[in-house]
């Protein structure tokens, strides 16, 4: 099984990304990381995932 990409490696700048863009990568089961063009991040996941923002009931 291939290694899952790390969040750092997966968030890469592309010529197709415009100003104000954000990217989201999967970091595990039901967990993701969002990043804006300035490098700010937010962890997203279910309520039982410590340190994660939970936008809705999962």
PDB file of N, CA and C in Angstrom:
ATOM      1  N   UNK A   1       0.845  -1.176   0.000  1.00  0.00           N
ATOM      2  CA  UNK A   1       0.000   0.000   0.000  1.00  0.00           C
ATOM      3  C   UNK A   1       0.893   1.243   0.000  1.00  0.00           C
ATOM      4  N   UNK A   2       0.647   2.184  -0.913  1.00  0.00           N
ATOM      5  CA  UNK A   2       1.489   3.392  -0.956  1.00  0.00           C
ATOM      6  C   UNK A   2       1.240   4.268   0.255  1.00  0.00           C
ATOM      7  N   UNK A   3       2.258   5.025   0.628  1.00  0.00           N
ATOM      8  CA  UNK A   3       2.118   5.952   1.748  1.00  0.00           C
ATOM      9  C   UNK A   3       1.099   7.019   1.396  1.00  0.00           C
ATOM     10  N   UNK A   4       0.297   7.411   2.410  1.00  0.00           N
ATOM     11  CA  UNK A   4      -0.615   8.526   2.191  1.00  0.00           C
ATOM     12  C   UNK A   4       0.211   9.804   2.148  1.00  0.00           C
ATOM     13  N   UNK A   5      -0.169  10.760   1.292  1.00  0.00           N
ATOM     14  CA  UNK A   5       0.600  12.004   1.242  1.00  0.00           C
ATOM     15  C   UNK A   5       0.463  12.769   2.542  1.00  0.00           C
ATOM     16  N   UNK A   6       1.529  13.388   2.969  1.00  0.00           N
ATOM     17  CA  UNK A   6       1.439  14.234   4.156  1.00  0.00           C
ATOM     18  C   UNK A   6       0.754  15.528   3.755  1.00  0.00           C
ATOM     19  N   UNK A   7       0.168  16.205   4.722  1.00  0.00           N
ATOM     20  CA  UNK A   7      -0.509  17.464   4.427  1.00  0.00           C
ATOM     21  C   UNK A   7       0.471  18.467   3.836  1.00  0.00           C
ATOM     22  N   UNK A   8       1.683  18.505   4.379  1.00  0.00           N
ATOM     23  CA  UNK A   8       2.679  19.465   3.894  1.00  0.00           C
ATOM     24  C   UNK A   8       3.000  19.229   2.421  1.00  0.00           C
ATOM     25  N   UNK A   9       3.158  17.975   2.041  1.00  0.00           N
ATOM     26  CA  UNK A   9       3.506  17.645   0.661  1.00  0.00           C
ATOM     27  C   UNK A   9       2.323  17.856  -0.273  1.00  0.00           C
ATOM     28  N   UNK A  10       1.106  17.618   0.202  1.00  0.00           N
ATOM     29  CA  UNK A  10      -0.072  17.698  -0.649  1.00  0.00           C
ATOM     30  C   UNK A  10      -0.499  19.131  -0.935  1.00  0.00           C
ATOM     31  N   UNK A  11      -0.248  20.063  -0.013  1.00  0.00           N
ATOM     32  CA  UNK A  11      -0.595  21.467  -0.225  1.00  0.00           C
ATOM     33  C   UNK A  11       0.513  22.098  -1.067  1.00  0.00           C
ATOM     34  N   UNK A  12       0.372  22.041  -2.361  1.00  0.00           N
ATOM     35  CA  UNK A  12       1.414  22.639  -3.195  1.00  0.00           C
ATOM     36  C   UNK A  12       0.804  23.737  -4.061  1.00  0.00           C
ATOM     37  N   UNK A  13       1.556  24.763  -4.276  1.00  0.00           N
ATOM     38  CA  UNK A  13       1.102  25.895  -5.078  1.00  0.00           C
ATOM     39  C   UNK A  13       1.177  25.513  -6.550  1.00  0.00           C
ATOM     40  N   UNK A  14       0.147  25.864  -7.264  1.00  0.00           N
ATOM     41  CA  UNK A  14       0.057  25.555  -8.685  1.00  0.00           C
ATOM     42  C   UNK A  14      -0.229  26.834  -9.457  1.00  0.00           C
ATOM     43  N   UNK A  15       0.112  26.836 -10.709  1.00  0.00           N
ATOM     44  CA  UNK A  15      -0.198  27.991 -11.560  1.00  0.00           C
ATOM     45  C   UNK A  15      -1.704  28.168 -11.702  1.00  0.00           C
ATOM     46  N   UNK A  16      -2.472  27.110 -11.459  1.00  0.00           N
ATOM     47  CA  UNK A  16      -3.927  27.164 -11.612  1.00  0.00           C
ATOM     48  C   UNK A  16      -4.611  27.770 -10.396  1.00  0.00           C
ATOM     49  N   UNK A  17      -3.896  27.975  -9.299  1.00  0.00           N
ATOM     50  CA  UNK A  17      -4.493  28.512  -8.083  1.00  0.00           C
ATOM     51  C   UNK A  17      -4.466  30.029  -8.138  1.00  0.00           C
ATOM     52  N   UNK A  18      -5.629  30.639  -7.934  1.00  0.00           N
ATOM     53  CA  UNK A  18      -5.721  32.085  -7.981  1.00  0.00           C
ATOM     54  C   UNK A  18      -5.654  32.706  -6.603  1.00  0.00           C
ATOM     55  N   UNK A  19      -5.567  34.018  -6.549  1.00  0.00           N
ATOM     56  CA  UNK A  19      -5.533  34.729  -5.268  1.00  0.00           C
ATOM     57  C   UNK A  19      -6.764  34.397  -4.429  1.00  0.00           C
ATOM     58  N   UNK A  20      -6.565  34.204  -3.145  1.00  0.00           N
ATOM     59  CA  UNK A  20      -7.659  33.890  -2.240  1.00  0.00           C
ATOM     60  C   UNK A  20      -8.052  32.424  -2.218  1.00  0.00           C
ATOM     61  N   UNK A  21      -7.321  31.589  -2.931  1.00  0.00           N
ATOM     62  CA  UNK A  21      -7.648  30.164  -2.992  1.00  0.00           C
ATOM     63  C   UNK A  21      -7.301  29.454  -1.689  1.00  0.00           C
ATOM     64  N   UNK A  22      -7.981  28.350  -1.464  1.00  0.00           N
ATOM     65  CA  UNK A  22      -7.683  27.463  -0.349  1.00  0.00           C
ATOM     66  C   UNK A  22      -7.531  26.049  -0.902  1.00  0.00           C
ATOM     67  N   UNK A  23      -6.845  25.205  -0.150  1.00  0.00           N
ATOM     68  CA  UNK A  23      -6.753  23.800  -0.525  1.00  0.00           C
ATOM     69  C   UNK A  23      -7.093  22.960   0.697  1.00  0.00           C
ATOM     70  N   UNK A  24      -7.560  21.762   0.452  1.00  0.00           N
ATOM     71  CA  UNK A  24      -7.894  20.830   1.517  1.00  0.00           C
ATOM     72  C   UNK A  24      -7.315  19.474   1.145  1.00  0.00           C
ATOM     73  N   UNK A  25      -6.662  18.836   2.119  1.00  0.00           N
ATOM     74  CA  UNK A  25      -6.128  17.495   1.902  1.00  0.00           C
ATOM     75  C   UNK A  25      -6.621  16.584   3.011  1.00  0.00           C
ATOM     76  N   UNK A  26      -6.764  15.334   2.649  1.00  0.00           N
ATOM     77  CA  UNK A  26      -7.148  14.324   3.636  1.00  0.00           C
ATOM     78  C   UNK A  26      -5.912  13.943   4.441  1.00  0.00           C
ATOM     79  N   UNK A  27      -6.055  13.948   5.763  1.00  0.00           N
ATOM     80  CA  UNK A  27      -4.928  13.606   6.626  1.00  0.00           C
ATOM     81  C   UNK A  27      -5.134  12.287   7.358  1.00  0.00           C
ATOM     82  N   UNK A  28      -6.314  11.713   7.254  1.00  0.00           N
ATOM     83  CA  UNK A  28      -6.621  10.448   7.908  1.00  0.00           C
ATOM     84  C   UNK A  28      -8.085  10.117   7.713  1.00  0.00           C
ATOM     85  N   UNK A  29      -8.558   9.115   8.434  1.00  0.00           N
ATOM     86  CA  UNK A  29      -9.959   8.734   8.345  1.00  0.00           C
ATOM     87  C   UNK A  29     -10.836   9.847   8.882  1.00  0.00           C
ATOM     88  N   UNK A  30     -11.640  10.427   8.010  1.00  0.00           N
ATOM     89  CA  UNK A  30     -12.576  11.506   8.350  1.00  0.00           C
ATOM     90  C   UNK A  30     -11.889  12.761   8.872  1.00  0.00           C
ATOM     91  N   UNK A  31     -10.605  12.942   8.612  1.00  0.00           N
ATOM     92  CA  UNK A  31      -9.920  14.167   9.017  1.00  0.00           C
ATOM     93  C   UNK A  31      -9.246  14.802   7.809  1.00  0.00           C
ATOM     94  N   UNK A  32      -9.229  16.125   7.813  1.00  0.00           N
ATOM     95  CA  UNK A  32      -8.678  16.899   6.703  1.00  0.00           C
ATOM     96  C   UNK A  32      -7.950  18.115   7.255  1.00  0.00           C
ATOM     97  N   UNK A  33      -7.143  18.719   6.413  1.00  0.00           N
ATOM     98  CA  UNK A  33      -6.497  19.975   6.764  1.00  0.00           C
ATOM     99  C   UNK A  33      -6.742  20.956   5.635  1.00  0.00           C
ATOM    100  N   UNK A  34      -7.225  22.148   5.999  1.00  0.00           N
ATOM    101  CA  UNK A  34      -7.415  23.218   5.036  1.00  0.00           C
ATOM    102  C   UNK A  34      -6.293  24.227   5.189  1.00  0.00           C
ATOM    103  N   UNK A  35      -5.871  24.803   4.080  1.00  0.00           N
ATOM    104  CA  UNK A  35      -4.791  25.798   4.116  1.00  0.00           C
ATOM    105  C   UNK A  35      -5.099  26.893   3.105  1.00  0.00           C
ATOM    106  N   UNK A  36      -4.833  28.146   3.517  1.00  0.00           N
ATOM    107  CA  UNK A  36      -5.014  29.238   2.575  1.00  0.00           C
ATOM    108  C   UNK A  36      -3.674  29.594   1.931  1.00  0.00           C
ATOM    109  N   UNK A  37      -3.708  30.534   1.008  1.00  0.00           N
ATOM    110  CA  UNK A  37      -2.487  30.873   0.254  1.00  0.00           C
ATOM    111  C   UNK A  37      -1.402  31.498   1.119  1.00  0.00           C
ATOM    112  N   UNK A  38      -1.768  32.000   2.308  1.00  0.00           N
ATOM    113  CA  UNK A  38      -0.776  32.581   3.218  1.00  0.00           C
ATOM    114  C   UNK A  38      -0.172  31.563   4.167  1.00  0.00           C
ATOM    115  N   UNK A  39      -0.673  30.308   4.126  1.00  0.00           N
ATOM    116  CA  UNK A  39      -0.111  29.256   4.956  1.00  0.00           C
ATOM    117  C   UNK A  39      -0.861  28.975   6.247  1.00  0.00           C
ATOM    118  N   UNK A  40      -1.951  29.703   6.503  1.00  0.00           N
ATOM    119  CA  UNK A  40      -2.759  29.419   7.696  1.00  0.00           C
ATOM    120  C   UNK A  40      -3.494  28.102   7.497  1.00  0.00           C
ATOM    121  N   UNK A  41      -3.604  27.309   8.573  1.00  0.00           N
ATOM    122  CA  UNK A  41      -4.246  26.002   8.457  1.00  0.00           C
ATOM    123  C   UNK A  41      -5.350  25.832   9.488  1.00  0.00           C
ATOM    124  N   UNK A  42      -6.256  24.921   9.185  1.00  0.00           N
ATOM    125  CA  UNK A  42      -7.306  24.509  10.103  1.00  0.00           C
ATOM    126  C   UNK A  42      -7.485  23.005   9.935  1.00  0.00           C
ATOM    127  N   UNK A  43      -7.496  22.301  11.067  1.00  0.00           N
ATOM    128  CA  UNK A  43      -7.752  20.863  11.044  1.00  0.00           C
ATOM    129  C   UNK A  43      -9.252  20.661  11.121  1.00  0.00           C
ATOM    130  N   UNK A  44      -9.781  19.764  10.304  1.00  0.00           N
ATOM    131  CA  UNK A  44     -11.216  19.525  10.209  1.00  0.00           C
ATOM    132  C   UNK A  44     -11.466  18.044  10.449  1.00  0.00           C
ATOM    133  N   UNK A  45     -12.411  17.741  11.325  1.00  0.00           N
ATOM    134  CA  UNK A  45     -12.712  16.347  11.598  1.00  0.00           C
ATOM    135  C   UNK A  45     -13.915  16.187  12.497  1.00  0.00           C
ATOM    136  N   UNK A  46     -14.225  14.944  12.867  1.00  0.00           N
ATOM    137  CA  UNK A  46     -15.376  14.682  13.723  1.00  0.00           C
ATOM    138  C   UNK A  46     -15.135  15.176  15.154  1.00  0.00           C
ATOM    139  N   UNK A  47     -16.195  15.229  15.941  1.00  0.00           N
ATOM    140  CA  UNK A  47     -16.121  15.759  17.299  1.00  0.00           C
ATOM    141  C   UNK A  47     -15.120  15.014  18.175  1.00  0.00           C
ATOM    142  N   UNK A  48     -14.880  13.739  17.905  1.00  0.00           N
ATOM    143  CA  UNK A  48     -13.953  12.970  18.744  1.00  0.00           C
ATOM    144  C   UNK A  48     -12.495  13.070  18.294  1.00  0.00           C
ATOM    145  N   UNK A  49     -12.220  13.847  17.255  1.00  0.00           N
ATOM    146  CA  UNK A  49     -10.856  14.062  16.783  1.00  0.00           C
ATOM    147  C   UNK A  49     -10.291  15.297  17.483  1.00  0.00           C
ATOM    148  N   UNK A  50      -9.366  15.088  18.397  1.00  0.00           N
ATOM    149  CA  UNK A  50      -8.831  16.185  19.202  1.00  0.00           C
ATOM    150  C   UNK A  50      -8.176  17.261  18.349  1.00  0.00           C
ATOM    151  N   UNK A  51      -8.469  18.510  18.684  1.00  0.00           N
ATOM    152  CA  UNK A  51      -7.859  19.647  18.007  1.00  0.00           C
ATOM    153  C   UNK A  51      -8.451  19.972  16.648  1.00  0.00           C
ATOM    154  N   UNK A  52      -9.567  19.353  16.308  1.00  0.00           N
ATOM    155  CA  UNK A  52     -10.174  19.579  14.995  1.00  0.00           C
ATOM    156  C   UNK A  52     -11.407  20.460  15.104  1.00  0.00           C
ATOM    157  N   UNK A  53     -11.585  21.287  14.107  1.00  0.00           N
ATOM    158  CA  UNK A  53     -12.809  22.051  13.921  1.00  0.00           C
ATOM    159  C   UNK A  53     -13.839  21.077  13.363  1.00  0.00           C
ATOM    160  N   UNK A  54     -15.035  21.050  13.951  1.00  0.00           N
ATOM    161  CA  UNK A  54     -16.101  20.165  13.479  1.00  0.00           C
ATOM    162  C   UNK A  54     -17.232  21.039  12.949  1.00  0.00           C
ATOM    163  N   UNK A  55     -17.336  21.193  11.614  1.00  0.00           N
ATOM    164  CA  UNK A  55     -18.313  22.112  11.053  1.00  0.00           C
ATOM    165  C   UNK A  55     -19.753  21.638  11.151  1.00  0.00           C
ATOM    166  N   UNK A  56     -19.997  20.343  11.328  1.00  0.00           N
ATOM    167  CA  UNK A  56     -21.351  19.801  11.397  1.00  0.00           C
ATOM    168  C   UNK A  56     -21.304  18.452  12.086  1.00  0.00           C
ATOM    169  N   UNK A  57     -22.455  17.924  12.393  1.00  0.00           N
ATOM    170  CA  UNK A  57     -22.502  16.587  13.000  1.00  0.00           C
ATOM    171  C   UNK A  57     -21.976  15.568  12.000  1.00  0.00           C
ATOM    172  N   UNK A  58     -21.109  14.714  12.481  1.00  0.00           N
ATOM    173  CA  UNK A  58     -20.524  13.689  11.606  1.00  0.00           C
ATOM    174  C   UNK A  58     -21.011  12.318  12.003  1.00  0.00           C
TER     175      UNK A  58
END
